[in-house]
C-alpha cells in the first residue's frame, strides 16, 4: 500500500512540476479544438435521444428518492424522541419454517 501511495505522489509531483509545459503543448497542438469537437459530438448524440427515454424515469426516481429521504428523516426524528426503549419479549425465540419449528 505504501508503494502505491508513493508512486501516486511521485506522479502527482511530476504533473505539478510540468503543468505549464503540458498546458502550453495542449494549446499549441490544437488539443483544445479536438476537445471542443468531441464535446459537440457528445452534445449532438445526447440531443438525438428522445427525452421521454430518460427524463420521465429520472423524474420518477427523483420523486421516489425524495419520498424515501422524507420517510427516513421522519423515522429518525421519531426514534430520537423515544424516552424509553420498547419492551422486549423475554421468551426464547423459535424459527418457524415449512419444515417445522427449530
N, C-alpha and C. Protein backbone atom coordinates (compact mmCIF):
# COMPACT_ATOMS: atom_id res chain seq x y z
N UNK A 1 0.82 -1.19 0.00
CA UNK A 1 0.00 0.00 0.00
C UNK A 1 0.87 1.26 0.00
N UNK A 2 1.94 1.19 0.75
CA UNK A 2 2.85 2.33 0.83
C UNK A 2 3.51 2.60 -0.53
N UNK A 3 3.83 1.51 -1.26
CA UNK A 3 4.44 1.65 -2.58
C UNK A 3 3.49 2.36 -3.54
N UNK A 4 2.22 1.99 -3.50
CA UNK A 4 1.23 2.62 -4.39
C UNK A 4 1.06 4.09 -4.03
N UNK A 5 1.01 4.37 -2.74
CA UNK A 5 0.87 5.76 -2.29
C UNK A 5 2.06 6.60 -2.73
N UNK A 6 3.27 6.05 -2.60
CA UNK A 6 4.47 6.78 -3.02
C UNK A 6 4.48 6.98 -4.53
N UNK A 7 4.05 5.97 -5.28
CA UNK A 7 4.01 6.09 -6.74
C UNK A 7 3.04 7.17 -7.18
N UNK A 8 1.87 7.20 -6.58
CA UNK A 8 0.87 8.22 -6.92
C UNK A 8 1.40 9.61 -6.56
N UNK A 9 2.08 9.71 -5.43
CA UNK A 9 2.64 11.01 -5.02
C UNK A 9 3.70 11.48 -6.01
N UNK A 10 4.54 10.56 -6.51
CA UNK A 10 5.56 10.94 -7.49
C UNK A 10 4.93 11.38 -8.80
N UNK A 11 3.90 10.67 -9.23
CA UNK A 11 3.21 11.05 -10.47
C UNK A 11 2.58 12.43 -10.31
N UNK A 12 1.95 12.67 -9.17
CA UNK A 12 1.31 13.97 -8.92
C UNK A 12 2.35 15.09 -8.89
N UNK A 13 3.48 14.84 -8.23
CA UNK A 13 4.55 15.85 -8.19
C UNK A 13 5.07 16.15 -9.59
N UNK A 14 5.26 15.12 -10.40
CA UNK A 14 5.71 15.32 -11.78
C UNK A 14 4.71 16.11 -12.59
N UNK A 15 3.42 15.85 -12.38
CA UNK A 15 2.38 16.60 -13.08
C UNK A 15 2.41 18.07 -12.67
N UNK A 16 2.54 18.32 -11.38
CA UNK A 16 2.57 19.70 -10.91
C UNK A 16 3.80 20.45 -11.40
N UNK A 17 4.93 19.75 -11.52
CA UNK A 17 6.15 20.40 -11.99
C UNK A 17 6.07 20.73 -13.47
N UNK A 18 5.34 19.94 -14.23
CA UNK A 18 5.30 20.10 -15.68
C UNK A 18 3.95 20.60 -16.20
N UNK A 19 3.11 21.13 -15.33
CA UNK A 19 1.77 21.55 -15.76
C UNK A 19 1.84 22.67 -16.78
N UNK A 20 2.77 23.59 -16.62
CA UNK A 20 2.91 24.69 -17.58
C UNK A 20 3.26 24.18 -18.96
N UNK A 21 4.18 23.23 -19.02
CA UNK A 21 4.58 22.64 -20.29
C UNK A 21 3.41 21.87 -20.92
N UNK A 22 2.67 21.13 -20.09
CA UNK A 22 1.54 20.36 -20.61
C UNK A 22 0.44 21.26 -21.16
N UNK A 23 0.13 22.33 -20.46
CA UNK A 23 -0.91 23.25 -20.92
C UNK A 23 -0.47 23.95 -22.20
N UNK A 24 0.79 24.39 -22.24
CA UNK A 24 1.31 25.04 -23.45
C UNK A 24 1.26 24.10 -24.65
N UNK A 25 1.68 22.85 -24.46
CA UNK A 25 1.65 21.87 -25.55
C UNK A 25 0.21 21.60 -25.98
N UNK A 26 -0.71 21.56 -25.04
CA UNK A 26 -2.12 21.32 -25.36
C UNK A 26 -2.68 22.45 -26.21
N UNK A 27 -2.34 23.68 -25.85
CA UNK A 27 -2.84 24.84 -26.59
C UNK A 27 -2.19 24.93 -27.97
N UNK A 28 -0.88 24.78 -28.03
CA UNK A 28 -0.17 24.91 -29.30
C UNK A 28 -0.48 23.78 -30.27
N UNK A 29 -0.76 22.60 -29.76
CA UNK A 29 -1.03 21.47 -30.64
C UNK A 29 -2.47 21.46 -31.14
N UNK A 30 -3.29 22.34 -30.62
CA UNK A 30 -4.69 22.37 -31.04
C UNK A 30 -5.52 21.33 -30.32
N UNK A 31 -5.05 20.84 -29.21
CA UNK A 31 -5.79 19.85 -28.44
C UNK A 31 -7.14 20.36 -27.98
N UNK A 32 -7.22 21.65 -27.73
CA UNK A 32 -8.49 22.22 -27.30
C UNK A 32 -9.52 22.17 -28.42
N UNK A 33 -9.06 22.27 -29.67
CA UNK A 33 -10.00 22.17 -30.80
C UNK A 33 -10.59 20.76 -30.90
N UNK A 34 -9.75 19.77 -30.69
CA UNK A 34 -10.23 18.39 -30.69
C UNK A 34 -11.21 18.18 -29.54
N UNK A 35 -10.89 18.73 -28.37
CA UNK A 35 -11.78 18.58 -27.22
C UNK A 35 -13.12 19.25 -27.49
N UNK A 36 -13.12 20.42 -28.12
CA UNK A 36 -14.37 21.11 -28.43
C UNK A 36 -15.19 20.30 -29.43
N UNK A 37 -14.53 19.74 -30.46
CA UNK A 37 -15.26 18.93 -31.43
C UNK A 37 -15.86 17.69 -30.79
N UNK A 38 -15.11 17.03 -29.91
CA UNK A 38 -15.63 15.84 -29.22
C UNK A 38 -16.80 16.22 -28.32
N UNK A 39 -16.72 17.39 -27.68
CA UNK A 39 -17.82 17.85 -26.84
C UNK A 39 -19.06 18.11 -27.68
N UNK A 40 -18.89 18.71 -28.85
CA UNK A 40 -20.03 18.96 -29.73
C UNK A 40 -20.63 17.66 -30.24
N UNK A 41 -19.79 16.67 -30.56
CA UNK A 41 -20.30 15.36 -30.97
C UNK A 41 -21.10 14.72 -29.85
N UNK A 42 -20.59 14.83 -28.63
CA UNK A 42 -21.29 14.27 -27.48
C UNK A 42 -22.63 14.97 -27.27
N UNK A 43 -22.64 16.30 -27.38
CA UNK A 43 -23.89 17.06 -27.22
C UNK A 43 -24.90 16.67 -28.29
N UNK A 44 -24.45 16.51 -29.53
CA UNK A 44 -25.35 16.10 -30.61
C UNK A 44 -25.93 14.71 -30.35
N UNK A 45 -25.09 13.80 -29.88
CA UNK A 45 -25.56 12.45 -29.58
C UNK A 45 -26.59 12.46 -28.46
N UNK A 46 -26.37 13.28 -27.45
CA UNK A 46 -27.32 13.37 -26.34
C UNK A 46 -28.62 14.00 -26.81
N UNK A 47 -28.54 14.99 -27.67
CA UNK A 47 -29.74 15.66 -28.15
C UNK A 47 -30.58 14.76 -29.05
N UNK A 48 -29.98 13.76 -29.67
CA UNK A 48 -30.72 12.84 -30.54
C UNK A 48 -31.57 11.86 -29.74
N UNK A 49 -31.24 11.66 -28.46
CA UNK A 49 -32.00 10.73 -27.62
C UNK A 49 -33.33 11.38 -27.26
N UNK A 50 -34.45 10.70 -27.51
CA UNK A 50 -35.74 11.28 -27.10
C UNK A 50 -35.78 11.47 -25.58
N UNK A 51 -36.28 12.60 -25.17
CA UNK A 51 -36.24 12.95 -23.75
C UNK A 51 -37.13 12.03 -22.91
N UNK A 52 -38.14 11.43 -23.52
CA UNK A 52 -39.02 10.55 -22.75
C UNK A 52 -38.30 9.31 -22.24
N UNK A 53 -37.20 8.93 -22.91
CA UNK A 53 -36.49 7.72 -22.51
C UNK A 53 -35.77 7.88 -21.19
N UNK A 54 -35.34 9.08 -20.87
CA UNK A 54 -34.59 9.23 -19.62
C UNK A 54 -35.18 10.28 -18.69
N UNK A 55 -35.91 11.26 -19.21
CA UNK A 55 -36.43 12.29 -18.30
C UNK A 55 -37.55 11.75 -17.42
N UNK A 56 -38.48 11.02 -18.00
CA UNK A 56 -39.59 10.51 -17.20
C UNK A 56 -39.11 9.57 -16.10
N UNK A 57 -38.29 8.55 -16.42
CA UNK A 57 -37.79 7.70 -15.32
C UNK A 57 -36.94 8.47 -14.33
N UNK A 58 -36.18 9.44 -14.82
CA UNK A 58 -35.34 10.23 -13.93
C UNK A 58 -36.19 11.02 -12.94
N UNK A 59 -37.25 11.64 -13.44
CA UNK A 59 -38.13 12.41 -12.56
C UNK A 59 -38.80 11.48 -11.55
N UNK A 60 -39.27 10.32 -12.02
CA UNK A 60 -39.90 9.37 -11.10
C UNK A 60 -38.92 8.90 -10.03
N UNK A 61 -37.68 8.62 -10.42
CA UNK A 61 -36.68 8.20 -9.44
C UNK A 61 -36.36 9.32 -8.46
N UNK A 62 -36.30 10.55 -8.94
CA UNK A 62 -36.04 11.67 -8.04
C UNK A 62 -37.17 11.85 -7.03
N UNK A 63 -38.41 11.71 -7.50
CA UNK A 63 -39.56 11.82 -6.59
C UNK A 63 -39.51 10.69 -5.57
N UNK A 64 -39.25 9.46 -6.03
CA UNK A 64 -39.16 8.32 -5.13
C UNK A 64 -38.04 8.52 -4.11
N UNK A 65 -36.90 9.00 -4.58
CA UNK A 65 -35.77 9.26 -3.70
C UNK A 65 -36.13 10.32 -2.65
N UNK A 66 -36.82 11.37 -3.08
CA UNK A 66 -37.24 12.41 -2.15
C UNK A 66 -38.19 11.89 -1.09
N UNK A 67 -39.15 11.06 -1.51
CA UNK A 67 -40.11 10.48 -0.56
C UNK A 67 -39.39 9.57 0.43
N UNK A 68 -38.47 8.76 -0.06
CA UNK A 68 -37.73 7.86 0.84
C UNK A 68 -36.87 8.64 1.84
N UNK A 69 -36.28 9.72 1.40
CA UNK A 69 -35.49 10.55 2.32
C UNK A 69 -36.40 11.18 3.38
N UNK A 70 -37.58 11.65 2.95
CA UNK A 70 -38.52 12.25 3.91
C UNK A 70 -38.97 11.21 4.94
N UNK A 71 -39.26 10.00 4.48
CA UNK A 71 -39.67 8.93 5.41
C UNK A 71 -38.52 8.62 6.37
N UNK A 72 -37.32 8.52 5.85
CA UNK A 72 -36.16 8.21 6.68
C UNK A 72 -35.95 9.29 7.74
N UNK A 73 -36.04 10.56 7.34
CA UNK A 73 -35.84 11.65 8.30
C UNK A 73 -36.92 11.66 9.37
N UNK A 74 -38.18 11.38 8.97
CA UNK A 74 -39.25 11.37 9.97
C UNK A 74 -39.07 10.20 10.93
N UNK A 75 -38.61 9.05 10.43
CA UNK A 75 -38.36 7.92 11.32
C UNK A 75 -37.21 8.22 12.28
N UNK A 76 -36.17 8.85 11.78
CA UNK A 76 -35.05 9.21 12.66
C UNK A 76 -35.51 10.19 13.73
N UNK A 77 -36.38 11.11 13.35
CA UNK A 77 -36.90 12.08 14.32
C UNK A 77 -37.74 11.37 15.38
N UNK A 78 -38.58 10.43 14.96
CA UNK A 78 -39.40 9.69 15.92
C UNK A 78 -38.54 8.84 16.85
N UNK A 79 -37.50 8.23 16.29
CA UNK A 79 -36.62 7.41 17.13
C UNK A 79 -35.84 8.26 18.13
N UNK A 80 -35.48 9.47 17.74
CA UNK A 80 -34.74 10.32 18.66
C UNK A 80 -35.63 10.84 19.79
N UNK A 81 -36.95 10.83 19.59
CA UNK A 81 -37.87 11.31 20.62
C UNK A 81 -38.25 10.23 21.63
N UNK A 82 -37.83 9.00 21.39
CA UNK A 82 -38.18 7.93 22.32
C UNK A 82 -37.52 8.18 23.68
N UNK A 83 -38.33 8.10 24.73
CA UNK A 83 -37.79 8.32 26.07
C UNK A 83 -37.37 7.01 26.72
N UNK A 84 -38.01 5.93 26.36
CA UNK A 84 -37.63 4.63 26.89
C UNK A 84 -37.63 3.63 25.76
N UNK A 85 -36.84 2.61 25.94
CA UNK A 85 -36.78 1.57 24.92
C UNK A 85 -38.07 0.76 24.94
N UNK A 86 -38.50 0.28 23.80
CA UNK A 86 -39.70 -0.56 23.78
C UNK A 86 -39.46 -1.86 24.53
N UNK A 87 -40.53 -2.40 25.08
CA UNK A 87 -40.43 -3.66 25.82
C UNK A 87 -40.07 -4.79 24.86
N UNK A 88 -39.21 -5.67 25.35
CA UNK A 88 -38.83 -6.83 24.55
C UNK A 88 -39.43 -8.07 25.18
N UNK A 89 -39.66 -9.04 24.35
CA UNK A 89 -40.23 -10.30 24.82
C UNK A 89 -39.10 -11.14 25.40
N UNK A 90 -39.30 -11.68 26.59
CA UNK A 90 -38.27 -12.45 27.27
C UNK A 90 -38.29 -13.92 26.88
N UNK A 91 -39.30 -14.33 26.13
CA UNK A 91 -39.39 -15.74 25.76
C UNK A 91 -38.32 -16.09 24.73
N UNK A 92 -37.96 -17.38 24.70
CA UNK A 92 -36.97 -17.84 23.74
C UNK A 92 -37.57 -17.82 22.34
N UNK A 93 -36.81 -17.36 21.38
CA UNK A 93 -37.30 -17.25 20.02
C UNK A 93 -37.14 -18.57 19.29
N UNK A 94 -38.08 -18.85 18.38
CA UNK A 94 -38.03 -20.05 17.55
C UNK A 94 -38.17 -19.64 16.10
N UNK A 95 -37.46 -20.36 15.25
CA UNK A 95 -37.56 -20.14 13.82
C UNK A 95 -38.60 -21.11 13.28
N UNK A 96 -39.67 -20.56 12.71
CA UNK A 96 -40.75 -21.39 12.19
C UNK A 96 -40.65 -21.39 10.67
N UNK A 97 -40.49 -22.58 10.10
CA UNK A 97 -40.43 -22.73 8.65
C UNK A 97 -41.44 -23.77 8.22
N UNK A 98 -41.51 -24.03 6.91
CA UNK A 98 -42.45 -25.05 6.45
C UNK A 98 -41.93 -26.46 6.78
N UNK A 99 -40.70 -26.57 7.30
CA UNK A 99 -40.19 -27.86 7.76
C UNK A 99 -40.53 -28.11 9.22
N UNK A 100 -40.98 -27.07 9.92
CA UNK A 100 -41.32 -27.23 11.32
C UNK A 100 -40.65 -26.16 12.16
N UNK A 101 -40.73 -26.35 13.47
CA UNK A 101 -40.16 -25.39 14.41
C UNK A 101 -38.75 -25.85 14.76
N UNK A 102 -37.79 -24.96 14.69
CA UNK A 102 -36.40 -25.29 15.00
C UNK A 102 -36.07 -24.81 16.39
